[in-house]
């Protein structure tokens, strides 16, 4: 590979990692767009943090009370 294509290859890999991090963030109950942008700016370090940190717990959904109808 020549030096001329190195920038294109690195940029493509950087963008691919950012897209994958955004998709993975969604599976861990985190904002996909925020993690995509964070990984785009900070690179693989942000993707590593996403993998290492525990997933966000989902807020429990409110259950409707089953009170007798009047």
PDB file of N, CA and C in Angstrom:
ATOM      1  N   UNK A   1       0.846  -1.169   0.000  1.00  0.00           N
ATOM      2  CA  UNK A   1       0.000   0.000   0.000  1.00  0.00           C
ATOM      3  C   UNK A   1       0.893   1.235   0.000  1.00  0.00           C
ATOM      4  N   UNK A   2       0.521   2.190  -0.792  1.00  0.00           N
ATOM      5  CA  UNK A   2       1.322   3.409  -0.866  1.00  0.00           C
ATOM      6  C   UNK A   2       0.817   4.429   0.144  1.00  0.00           C
ATOM      7  N   UNK A   3       1.632   5.416   0.369  1.00  0.00           N
ATOM      8  CA  UNK A   3       1.325   6.447   1.354  1.00  0.00           C
ATOM      9  C   UNK A   3       0.117   7.278   0.932  1.00  0.00           C
ATOM     10  N   UNK A   4      -0.137   7.404  -0.367  1.00  0.00           N
ATOM     11  CA  UNK A   4      -1.259   8.225  -0.831  1.00  0.00           C
ATOM     12  C   UNK A   4      -2.596   7.687  -0.330  1.00  0.00           C
ATOM     13  N   UNK A   5      -2.704   6.381  -0.205  1.00  0.00           N
ATOM     14  CA  UNK A   5      -3.970   5.774   0.194  1.00  0.00           C
ATOM     15  C   UNK A   5      -4.100   5.592   1.697  1.00  0.00           C
ATOM     16  N   UNK A   6      -3.057   5.862   2.427  1.00  0.00           N
ATOM     17  CA  UNK A   6      -3.077   5.646   3.865  1.00  0.00           C
ATOM     18  C   UNK A   6      -4.143   6.505   4.554  1.00  0.00           C
ATOM     19  N   UNK A   7      -4.272   7.751   4.159  1.00  0.00           N
ATOM     20  CA  UNK A   7      -5.281   8.632   4.750  1.00  0.00           C
ATOM     21  C   UNK A   7      -6.692   8.148   4.489  1.00  0.00           C
ATOM     22  N   UNK A   8      -6.934   7.652   3.282  1.00  0.00           N
ATOM     23  CA  UNK A   8      -8.258   7.144   2.930  1.00  0.00           C
ATOM     24  C   UNK A   8      -8.577   5.892   3.744  1.00  0.00           C
ATOM     25  N   UNK A   9      -7.611   5.014   3.885  1.00  0.00           N
ATOM     26  CA  UNK A   9      -7.818   3.772   4.630  1.00  0.00           C
ATOM     27  C   UNK A   9      -8.065   4.065   6.107  1.00  0.00           C
ATOM     28  N   UNK A  10      -7.264   4.924   6.696  1.00  0.00           N
ATOM     29  CA  UNK A  10      -7.423   5.259   8.113  1.00  0.00           C
ATOM     30  C   UNK A  10      -8.758   5.964   8.345  1.00  0.00           C
ATOM     31  N   UNK A  11      -9.135   6.878   7.472  1.00  0.00           N
ATOM     32  CA  UNK A  11     -10.415   7.576   7.606  1.00  0.00           C
ATOM     33  C   UNK A  11     -11.588   6.615   7.484  1.00  0.00           C
ATOM     34  N   UNK A  12     -11.492   5.685   6.568  1.00  0.00           N
ATOM     35  CA  UNK A  12     -12.557   4.696   6.391  1.00  0.00           C
ATOM     36  C   UNK A  12     -12.697   3.811   7.622  1.00  0.00           C
ATOM     37  N   UNK A  13     -11.576   3.386   8.164  1.00  0.00           N
ATOM     38  CA  UNK A  13     -11.616   2.548   9.364  1.00  0.00           C
ATOM     39  C   UNK A  13     -12.159   3.330  10.558  1.00  0.00           C
ATOM     40  N   UNK A  14     -11.779   4.594  10.680  1.00  0.00           N
ATOM     41  CA  UNK A  14     -12.233   5.453  11.775  1.00  0.00           C
ATOM     42  C   UNK A  14     -13.756   5.615  11.714  1.00  0.00           C
ATOM     43  N   UNK A  15     -14.274   5.877  10.522  1.00  0.00           N
ATOM     44  CA  UNK A  15     -15.716   6.034  10.336  1.00  0.00           C
ATOM     45  C   UNK A  15     -16.447   4.723  10.611  1.00  0.00           C
ATOM     46  N   UNK A  16     -15.871   3.616  10.188  1.00  0.00           N
ATOM     47  CA  UNK A  16     -16.485   2.309  10.428  1.00  0.00           C
ATOM     48  C   UNK A  16     -16.568   2.008  11.917  1.00  0.00           C
ATOM     49  N   UNK A  17     -15.514   2.297  12.653  1.00  0.00           N
ATOM     50  CA  UNK A  17     -15.526   2.082  14.103  1.00  0.00           C
ATOM     51  C   UNK A  17     -16.583   2.967  14.756  1.00  0.00           C
ATOM     52  N   UNK A  18     -16.739   4.200  14.291  1.00  0.00           N
ATOM     53  CA  UNK A  18     -17.741   5.106  14.854  1.00  0.00           C
ATOM     54  C   UNK A  18     -19.153   4.588  14.590  1.00  0.00           C
ATOM     55  N   UNK A  19     -19.404   4.075  13.399  1.00  0.00           N
ATOM     56  CA  UNK A  19     -20.723   3.529  13.074  1.00  0.00           C
ATOM     57  C   UNK A  19     -21.015   2.297  13.931  1.00  0.00           C
ATOM     58  N   UNK A  20     -20.038   1.423  14.059  1.00  0.00           N
ATOM     59  CA  UNK A  20     -20.224   0.226  14.884  1.00  0.00           C
ATOM     60  C   UNK A  20     -20.435   0.586  16.353  1.00  0.00           C
ATOM     61  N   UNK A  21     -19.732   1.588  16.835  1.00  0.00           N
ATOM     62  CA  UNK A  21     -19.903   2.016  18.228  1.00  0.00           C
ATOM     63  C   UNK A  21     -21.304   2.575  18.452  1.00  0.00           C
ATOM     64  N   UNK A  22     -21.818   3.319  17.488  1.00  0.00           N
ATOM     65  CA  UNK A  22     -23.185   3.825  17.607  1.00  0.00           C
ATOM     66  C   UNK A  22     -24.205   2.705  17.672  1.00  0.00           C
ATOM     67  N   UNK A  23     -24.030   1.703  16.843  1.00  0.00           N
ATOM     68  CA  UNK A  23     -24.934   0.556  16.876  1.00  0.00           C
ATOM     69  C   UNK A  23     -24.818  -0.231  18.168  1.00  0.00           C
ATOM     70  N   UNK A  24     -23.602  -0.405  18.651  1.00  0.00           N
ATOM     71  CA  UNK A  24     -23.394  -1.140  19.899  1.00  0.00           C
ATOM     72  C   UNK A  24     -23.940  -0.361  21.089  1.00  0.00           C
ATOM     73  N   UNK A  25     -23.855   0.969  21.034  1.00  0.00           N
ATOM     74  CA  UNK A  25     -24.374   1.791  22.129  1.00  0.00           C
ATOM     75  C   UNK A  25     -25.870   1.585  22.289  1.00  0.00           C
ATOM     76  N   UNK A  26     -26.568   1.440  21.190  1.00  0.00           N
ATOM     77  CA  UNK A  26     -28.016   1.227  21.257  1.00  0.00           C
ATOM     78  C   UNK A  26     -28.343  -0.077  21.987  1.00  0.00           C
ATOM     79  N   UNK A  27     -27.527  -1.112  21.794  1.00  0.00           N
ATOM     80  CA  UNK A  27     -27.788  -2.385  22.466  1.00  0.00           C
ATOM     81  C   UNK A  27     -27.506  -2.304  23.960  1.00  0.00           C
ATOM     82  N   UNK A  28     -26.770  -1.290  24.386  1.00  0.00           N
ATOM     83  CA  UNK A  28     -26.450  -1.121  25.807  1.00  0.00           C
ATOM     84  C   UNK A  28     -27.246   0.022  26.428  1.00  0.00           C
ATOM     85  N   UNK A  29     -28.364   0.377  25.799  1.00  0.00           N
ATOM     86  CA  UNK A  29     -29.290   1.409  26.294  1.00  0.00           C
ATOM     87  C   UNK A  29     -28.618   2.772  26.424  1.00  0.00           C
ATOM     88  N   UNK A  30     -27.776   3.085  25.477  1.00  0.00           N
ATOM     89  CA  UNK A  30     -27.126   4.396  25.433  1.00  0.00           C
ATOM     90  C   UNK A  30     -27.494   5.082  24.121  1.00  0.00           C
ATOM     91  N   UNK A  31     -27.259   6.374  24.047  1.00  0.00           N
ATOM     92  CA  UNK A  31     -27.600   7.142  22.857  1.00  0.00           C
ATOM     93  C   UNK A  31     -26.665   6.783  21.702  1.00  0.00           C
ATOM     94  N   UNK A  32     -27.248   6.282  20.628  1.00  0.00           N
ATOM     95  CA  UNK A  32     -26.446   5.874  19.473  1.00  0.00           C
ATOM     96  C   UNK A  32     -25.763   7.079  18.824  1.00  0.00           C
ATOM     97  N   UNK A  33     -26.491   8.181  18.665  1.00  0.00           N
ATOM     98  CA  UNK A  33     -25.910   9.369  18.025  1.00  0.00           C
ATOM     99  C   UNK A  33     -24.793   9.971  18.862  1.00  0.00           C
ATOM    100  N   UNK A  34     -25.007  10.043  20.165  1.00  0.00           N
ATOM    101  CA  UNK A  34     -23.978  10.630  21.031  1.00  0.00           C
ATOM    102  C   UNK A  34     -22.694   9.808  20.983  1.00  0.00           C
ATOM    103  N   UNK A  35     -22.823   8.485  21.031  1.00  0.00           N
ATOM    104  CA  UNK A  35     -21.629   7.639  21.003  1.00  0.00           C
ATOM    105  C   UNK A  35     -21.005   7.599  19.623  1.00  0.00           C
ATOM    106  N   UNK A  36     -21.811   7.734  18.580  1.00  0.00           N
ATOM    107  CA  UNK A  36     -21.249   7.828  17.230  1.00  0.00           C
ATOM    108  C   UNK A  36     -20.375   9.073  17.121  1.00  0.00           C
ATOM    109  N   UNK A  37     -20.911  10.210  17.562  1.00  0.00           N
ATOM    110  CA  UNK A  37     -20.149  11.465  17.481  1.00  0.00           C
ATOM    111  C   UNK A  37     -18.934  11.445  18.404  1.00  0.00           C
ATOM    112  N   UNK A  38     -19.095  10.894  19.597  1.00  0.00           N
ATOM    113  CA  UNK A  38     -17.972  10.813  20.529  1.00  0.00           C
ATOM    114  C   UNK A  38     -16.857   9.944  19.960  1.00  0.00           C
ATOM    115  N   UNK A  39     -17.223   8.825  19.353  1.00  0.00           N
ATOM    116  CA  UNK A  39     -16.216   7.948  18.758  1.00  0.00           C
ATOM    117  C   UNK A  39     -15.611   8.584  17.521  1.00  0.00           C
ATOM    118  N   UNK A  40     -16.399   9.345  16.790  1.00  0.00           N
ATOM    119  CA  UNK A  40     -15.866  10.034  15.619  1.00  0.00           C
ATOM    120  C   UNK A  40     -14.806  11.054  16.035  1.00  0.00           C
ATOM    121  N   UNK A  41     -15.021  11.712  17.174  1.00  0.00           N
ATOM    122  CA  UNK A  41     -14.066  12.716  17.642  1.00  0.00           C
ATOM    123  C   UNK A  41     -12.893  12.105  18.410  1.00  0.00           C
ATOM    124  N   UNK A  42     -13.177  11.146  19.279  1.00  0.00           N
ATOM    125  CA  UNK A  42     -12.133  10.585  20.147  1.00  0.00           C
ATOM    126  C   UNK A  42     -11.545   9.284  19.633  1.00  0.00           C
ATOM    127  N   UNK A  43     -12.183   8.683  18.677  1.00  0.00           N
ATOM    128  CA  UNK A  43     -11.652   7.474  18.071  1.00  0.00           C
ATOM    129  C   UNK A  43     -11.889   6.218  18.878  1.00  0.00           C
ATOM    130  N   UNK A  44     -11.030   5.256  18.699  1.00  0.00           N
ATOM    131  CA  UNK A  44     -11.200   3.954  19.341  1.00  0.00           C
ATOM    132  C   UNK A  44     -11.195   4.002  20.868  1.00  0.00           C
ATOM    133  N   UNK A  45     -10.679   5.063  21.453  1.00  0.00           N
ATOM    134  CA  UNK A  45     -10.700   5.176  22.916  1.00  0.00           C
ATOM    135  C   UNK A  45     -12.141   5.238  23.410  1.00  0.00           C
ATOM    136  N   UNK A  46     -12.992   6.010  22.738  1.00  0.00           N
ATOM    137  CA  UNK A  46     -14.399   6.092  23.125  1.00  0.00           C
ATOM    138  C   UNK A  46     -15.096   4.756  22.907  1.00  0.00           C
ATOM    139  N   UNK A  47     -14.773   4.070  21.826  1.00  0.00           N
ATOM    140  CA  UNK A  47     -15.362   2.754  21.577  1.00  0.00           C
ATOM    141  C   UNK A  47     -14.943   1.773  22.667  1.00  0.00           C
ATOM    142  N   UNK A  48     -13.706   1.850  23.103  1.00  0.00           N
ATOM    143  CA  UNK A  48     -13.230   0.987  24.188  1.00  0.00           C
ATOM    144  C   UNK A  48     -13.998   1.272  25.476  1.00  0.00           C
ATOM    145  N   UNK A  49     -14.225   2.548  25.788  1.00  0.00           N
ATOM    146  CA  UNK A  49     -14.982   2.899  26.988  1.00  0.00           C
ATOM    147  C   UNK A  49     -16.408   2.375  26.914  1.00  0.00           C
ATOM    148  N   UNK A  50     -16.995   2.425  25.744  1.00  0.00           N
ATOM    149  CA  UNK A  50     -18.351   1.914  25.565  1.00  0.00           C
ATOM    150  C   UNK A  50     -18.419   0.421  25.865  1.00  0.00           C
ATOM    151  N   UNK A  51     -17.406  -0.299  25.462  1.00  0.00           N
ATOM    152  CA  UNK A  51     -17.379  -1.744  25.698  1.00  0.00           C
ATOM    153  C   UNK A  51     -17.128  -2.053  27.170  1.00  0.00           C
ATOM    154  N   UNK A  52     -16.276  -1.280  27.822  1.00  0.00           N
ATOM    155  CA  UNK A  52     -15.878  -1.569  29.202  1.00  0.00           C
ATOM    156  C   UNK A  52     -16.952  -1.160  30.210  1.00  0.00           C
ATOM    157  N   UNK A  53     -17.589  -0.011  30.001  1.00  0.00           N
ATOM    158  CA  UNK A  53     -18.585   0.464  30.963  1.00  0.00           C
ATOM    159  C   UNK A  53     -19.813  -0.432  30.944  1.00  0.00           C
ATOM    160  N   UNK A  54     -20.449  -0.609  32.106  1.00  0.00           N
ATOM    161  CA  UNK A  54     -21.646  -1.457  32.145  1.00  0.00           C
ATOM    162  C   UNK A  54     -22.817  -0.775  31.432  1.00  0.00           C
ATOM    163  N   UNK A  55     -23.763  -1.577  30.945  1.00  0.00           N
ATOM    164  CA  UNK A  55     -24.919  -0.980  30.270  1.00  0.00           C
ATOM    165  C   UNK A  55     -25.779  -0.176  31.239  1.00  0.00           C
ATOM    166  N   UNK A  56     -26.501   0.783  30.700  1.00  0.00           N
ATOM    167  CA  UNK A  56     -27.404   1.600  31.496  1.00  0.00           C
ATOM    168  C   UNK A  56     -28.663   0.783  31.765  1.00  0.00           C
ATOM    169  N   UNK A  57     -29.099   0.777  33.023  1.00  0.00           N
ATOM    170  CA  UNK A  57     -30.321   0.053  33.369  1.00  0.00           C
ATOM    171  C   UNK A  57     -31.524   0.817  32.831  1.00  0.00           C
ATOM    172  N   UNK A  58     -32.437   0.075  32.255  1.00  0.00           N
ATOM    173  CA  UNK A  58     -33.657   0.719  31.756  1.00  0.00           C
ATOM    174  C   UNK A  58     -34.548   1.103  32.923  1.00  0.00           C
ATOM    175  N   UNK A  59     -35.234   2.228  32.761  1.00  0.00           N
ATOM    176  CA  UNK A  59     -36.181   2.651  33.781  1.00  0.00           C
ATOM    177  C   UNK A  59     -37.389   1.718  33.732  1.00  0.00           C
ATOM    178  N   UNK A  60     -37.870   1.289  34.890  1.00  0.00           N
ATOM    179  CA  UNK A  60     -39.034   0.394  34.874  1.00  0.00           C
ATOM    180  C   UNK A  60     -40.253   1.116  34.321  1.00  0.00           C
ATOM    181  N   UNK A  61     -40.989   0.395  33.502  1.00  0.00           N
ATOM    182  CA  UNK A  61     -42.196   0.988  32.925  1.00  0.00           C
ATOM    183  C   UNK A  61     -43.299   0.977  33.963  1.00  0.00           C
ATOM    184  N   UNK A  62     -44.077   2.033  33.961  1.00  0.00           N
ATOM    185  CA  UNK A  62     -45.176   2.142  34.916  1.00  0.00           C
ATOM    186  C   UNK A  62     -46.261   1.145  34.542  1.00  0.00           C
ATOM    187  N   UNK A  63     -46.648   0.335  35.506  1.00  0.00           N
ATOM    188  CA  UNK A  63     -47.710  -0.643  35.310  1.00  0.00           C
ATOM    189  C   UNK A  63     -49.039   0.012  35.670  1.00  0.00           C
ATOM    190  N   UNK A  64     -50.031  -0.084  34.809  1.00  0.00           N
ATOM    191  CA  UNK A  64     -51.335   0.493  35.172  1.00  0.00           C
ATOM    192  C   UNK A  64     -51.946  -0.304  36.323  1.00  0.00           C
ATOM    193  N   UNK A  65     -52.504   0.414  37.269  1.00  0.00           N
ATOM    194  CA  UNK A  65     -53.113  -0.268  38.412  1.00  0.00           C
ATOM    195  C   UNK A  65     -54.452  -0.847  37.988  1.00  0.00           C
ATOM    196  N   UNK A  66     -54.743  -2.001  38.482  1.00  0.00           N
ATOM    197  CA  UNK A  66     -55.992  -2.684  38.149  1.00  0.00           C
ATOM    198  C   UNK A  66     -56.978  -2.508  39.299  1.00  0.00           C
ATOM    199  N   UNK A  67     -57.504  -1.312  39.414  1.00  0.00           N
ATOM    200  CA  UNK A  67     -58.484  -1.054  40.463  1.00  0.00           C
ATOM    201  C   UNK A  67     -59.875  -1.371  39.920  1.00  0.00           C
ATOM    202  N   UNK A  68     -60.766  -1.802  40.784  1.00  0.00           N
ATOM    203  CA  UNK A  68     -62.120  -2.133  40.312  1.00  0.00           C
ATOM    204  C   UNK A  68     -62.825  -0.896  39.782  1.00  0.00           C
ATOM    205  N   UNK A  69     -63.550  -1.064  38.703  1.00  0.00           N
ATOM    206  CA  UNK A  69     -64.290   0.050  38.093  1.00  0.00           C
ATOM    207  C   UNK A  69     -65.488   0.399  38.958  1.00  0.00           C
ATOM    208  N   UNK A  70     -65.770   1.664  39.050  1.00  0.00           N
ATOM    209  CA  UNK A  70     -66.901   2.093  39.871  1.00  0.00           C
ATOM    210  C   UNK A  70     -68.121   2.275  39.041  1.00  0.00           C
TER     211      UNK A  70
END
